[in-house]
Amino acid sequence: MGEEPFTFTSHGGVKVRIFWQGRCIMTVGGRRGEALAADLADATPEGAQRLLQRVTGNFKRGNER
C-alpha cells in the first residue's frame, strides 16, 4: 500500500482513536470500540488500513484541499 494515511491508538481495549494524516478524526468506544480493537490486533498492516477506512466511512465531505 506504500504509505499508511490512517493510524490508531487503543486505550484499554475499549476506546480506539483513529487518526488520518496525524489528525484525530474519530473516536470509537463501547462495544464497537472493543470489537474494532480486537480486529485491529489481529490484522495485517494492509488489513488494518482497510478496517479503518471502513469504520470512518466518508468522513471528508468536499471541504478538503
N, C-alpha and C. Protein backbone atom coordinates (compact mmCIF):
# COMPACT_ATOMS: atom_id res chain seq x y z
N MET A 1 0.82 -1.20 0.00
CA MET A 1 0.00 0.00 0.00
C MET A 1 0.87 1.26 0.00
N GLY A 2 2.15 1.12 0.32
CA GLY A 2 3.01 2.31 0.33
C GLY A 2 2.90 3.08 1.61
N GLU A 3 2.19 4.18 1.58
CA GLU A 3 2.01 4.98 2.78
C GLU A 3 0.75 4.55 3.51
N GLU A 4 0.72 4.84 4.80
CA GLU A 4 -0.44 4.49 5.61
C GLU A 4 -1.06 5.76 6.16
N PRO A 5 -2.11 6.28 5.52
CA PRO A 5 -2.71 7.53 5.96
C PRO A 5 -3.43 7.41 7.29
N PHE A 6 -3.94 6.21 7.62
CA PHE A 6 -4.66 6.01 8.87
C PHE A 6 -3.75 5.40 9.92
N THR A 7 -3.83 5.93 11.14
CA THR A 7 -3.19 5.34 12.30
C THR A 7 -4.22 5.29 13.41
N PHE A 8 -3.89 4.60 14.48
CA PHE A 8 -4.84 4.49 15.58
C PHE A 8 -4.11 4.28 16.89
N THR A 9 -4.78 4.61 17.97
CA THR A 9 -4.32 4.26 19.31
C THR A 9 -5.48 3.59 20.02
N SER A 10 -5.15 2.58 20.81
CA SER A 10 -6.17 1.85 21.56
C SER A 10 -5.98 2.16 23.04
N HIS A 11 -7.05 2.50 23.70
CA HIS A 11 -7.00 2.88 25.12
C HIS A 11 -7.74 1.83 25.93
N GLY A 12 -7.00 0.91 26.53
CA GLY A 12 -7.60 -0.10 27.38
C GLY A 12 -8.44 -1.12 26.64
N GLY A 13 -8.31 -1.20 25.34
CA GLY A 13 -9.08 -2.16 24.56
C GLY A 13 -10.56 -1.82 24.45
N VAL A 14 -10.96 -0.64 24.93
CA VAL A 14 -12.37 -0.24 24.89
C VAL A 14 -12.57 0.95 23.97
N LYS A 15 -11.60 1.84 23.92
CA LYS A 15 -11.72 3.05 23.11
C LYS A 15 -10.58 3.07 22.08
N VAL A 16 -10.94 3.36 20.84
CA VAL A 16 -9.96 3.45 19.76
C VAL A 16 -10.06 4.83 19.14
N ARG A 17 -8.93 5.54 19.10
CA ARG A 17 -8.89 6.85 18.42
C ARG A 17 -8.26 6.64 17.06
N ILE A 18 -8.92 7.14 16.02
CA ILE A 18 -8.47 6.97 14.64
C ILE A 18 -7.95 8.30 14.13
N PHE A 19 -6.75 8.25 13.53
CA PHE A 19 -6.10 9.44 13.00
C PHE A 19 -5.93 9.30 11.50
N TRP A 20 -6.08 10.39 10.79
CA TRP A 20 -5.83 10.45 9.36
C TRP A 20 -4.81 11.55 9.14
N GLN A 21 -3.67 11.19 8.60
CA GLN A 21 -2.55 12.11 8.37
C GLN A 21 -2.23 12.90 9.63
N GLY A 22 -2.23 12.22 10.79
CA GLY A 22 -1.84 12.84 12.05
C GLY A 22 -2.94 13.57 12.80
N ARG A 23 -4.13 13.69 12.22
CA ARG A 23 -5.23 14.41 12.88
C ARG A 23 -6.29 13.41 13.33
N CYS A 24 -6.75 13.56 14.57
CA CYS A 24 -7.78 12.68 15.10
C CYS A 24 -9.10 13.00 14.39
N ILE A 25 -9.68 11.99 13.75
CA ILE A 25 -10.92 12.20 13.02
C ILE A 25 -12.10 11.48 13.66
N MET A 26 -11.82 10.50 14.53
CA MET A 26 -12.92 9.73 15.10
C MET A 26 -12.45 8.99 16.34
N THR A 27 -13.35 8.87 17.30
CA THR A 27 -13.14 8.03 18.48
C THR A 27 -14.26 7.01 18.52
N VAL A 28 -13.89 5.75 18.63
CA VAL A 28 -14.87 4.67 18.68
C VAL A 28 -14.79 4.03 20.06
N GLY A 29 -15.91 3.96 20.74
CA GLY A 29 -15.92 3.40 22.08
C GLY A 29 -17.00 2.36 22.26
N GLY A 30 -17.12 1.86 23.47
CA GLY A 30 -18.16 0.88 23.78
C GLY A 30 -17.89 -0.47 23.12
N ARG A 31 -18.96 -1.17 22.84
CA ARG A 31 -18.84 -2.49 22.21
C ARG A 31 -18.18 -2.41 20.84
N ARG A 32 -18.52 -1.37 20.10
CA ARG A 32 -17.93 -1.20 18.77
C ARG A 32 -16.42 -0.98 18.88
N GLY A 33 -15.99 -0.21 19.90
CA GLY A 33 -14.57 0.01 20.12
C GLY A 33 -13.85 -1.25 20.53
N GLU A 34 -14.47 -2.06 21.38
CA GLU A 34 -13.87 -3.34 21.79
C GLU A 34 -13.69 -4.25 20.58
N ALA A 35 -14.72 -4.35 19.75
CA ALA A 35 -14.65 -5.20 18.57
C ALA A 35 -13.58 -4.70 17.60
N LEU A 36 -13.52 -3.39 17.40
CA LEU A 36 -12.52 -2.82 16.49
C LEU A 36 -11.11 -3.05 17.02
N ALA A 37 -10.89 -2.86 18.32
CA ALA A 37 -9.57 -3.08 18.90
C ALA A 37 -9.13 -4.53 18.73
N ALA A 38 -10.05 -5.47 18.93
CA ALA A 38 -9.72 -6.88 18.75
C ALA A 38 -9.40 -7.19 17.29
N ASP A 39 -10.18 -6.64 16.36
CA ASP A 39 -9.93 -6.87 14.94
C ASP A 39 -8.60 -6.26 14.50
N LEU A 40 -8.28 -5.07 15.00
CA LEU A 40 -7.02 -4.42 14.64
C LEU A 40 -5.82 -5.15 15.21
N ALA A 41 -5.98 -5.77 16.38
CA ALA A 41 -4.87 -6.51 16.99
C ALA A 41 -4.47 -7.71 16.13
N ASP A 42 -5.43 -8.30 15.44
CA ASP A 42 -5.17 -9.49 14.62
C ASP A 42 -4.89 -9.17 13.16
N ALA A 43 -5.03 -7.92 12.75
CA ALA A 43 -4.95 -7.56 11.34
C ALA A 43 -3.51 -7.30 10.89
N THR A 44 -3.28 -7.54 9.60
CA THR A 44 -2.02 -7.15 8.98
C THR A 44 -2.05 -5.63 8.79
N PRO A 45 -0.93 -4.99 8.49
CA PRO A 45 -0.96 -3.54 8.26
C PRO A 45 -1.94 -3.13 7.15
N GLU A 46 -1.98 -3.89 6.06
CA GLU A 46 -2.92 -3.58 4.98
C GLU A 46 -4.35 -3.80 5.43
N GLY A 47 -4.57 -4.87 6.18
CA GLY A 47 -5.90 -5.16 6.69
C GLY A 47 -6.37 -4.10 7.68
N ALA A 48 -5.44 -3.59 8.49
CA ALA A 48 -5.79 -2.53 9.44
C ALA A 48 -6.21 -1.27 8.70
N GLN A 49 -5.52 -0.94 7.60
CA GLN A 49 -5.90 0.23 6.81
C GLN A 49 -7.31 0.07 6.25
N ARG A 50 -7.62 -1.12 5.77
CA ARG A 50 -8.96 -1.37 5.22
C ARG A 50 -10.03 -1.27 6.31
N LEU A 51 -9.73 -1.82 7.49
CA LEU A 51 -10.69 -1.73 8.60
C LEU A 51 -10.94 -0.27 8.98
N LEU A 52 -9.86 0.51 9.09
CA LEU A 52 -10.00 1.91 9.48
C LEU A 52 -10.75 2.70 8.42
N GLN A 53 -10.51 2.40 7.14
CA GLN A 53 -11.25 3.06 6.07
C GLN A 53 -12.73 2.74 6.16
N ARG A 54 -13.04 1.49 6.44
CA ARG A 54 -14.44 1.07 6.52
C ARG A 54 -15.15 1.72 7.71
N VAL A 55 -14.46 1.80 8.85
CA VAL A 55 -15.07 2.37 10.05
C VAL A 55 -15.32 3.87 9.88
N THR A 56 -14.36 4.58 9.27
CA THR A 56 -14.52 6.02 9.14
C THR A 56 -15.51 6.40 8.06
N GLY A 57 -15.71 5.53 7.09
CA GLY A 57 -16.66 5.84 6.02
C GLY A 57 -16.20 7.05 5.24
N ASN A 58 -17.13 7.87 4.83
CA ASN A 58 -16.83 9.06 4.06
C ASN A 58 -16.77 10.26 5.00
N PHE A 59 -15.66 10.39 5.73
CA PHE A 59 -15.57 11.49 6.70
C PHE A 59 -15.26 12.82 6.03
N LYS A 60 -14.72 12.79 4.81
CA LYS A 60 -14.43 14.03 4.09
C LYS A 60 -15.63 14.39 3.23
N ARG A 61 -16.10 15.59 3.32
CA ARG A 61 -17.32 15.99 2.62
C ARG A 61 -17.10 17.12 1.63
N GLY A 62 -15.95 17.13 0.96
CA GLY A 62 -15.74 18.12 -0.08
C GLY A 62 -15.06 19.40 0.37
N ASN A 63 -14.75 19.51 1.67
CA ASN A 63 -14.11 20.74 2.13
C ASN A 63 -12.60 20.60 2.26
N GLU A 64 -12.04 19.45 1.90
CA GLU A 64 -10.59 19.28 1.97
C GLU A 64 -9.94 19.87 0.73
N ARG A 65 -8.72 20.29 0.86
CA ARG A 65 -7.97 20.86 -0.27
C ARG A 65 -6.62 20.20 -0.34
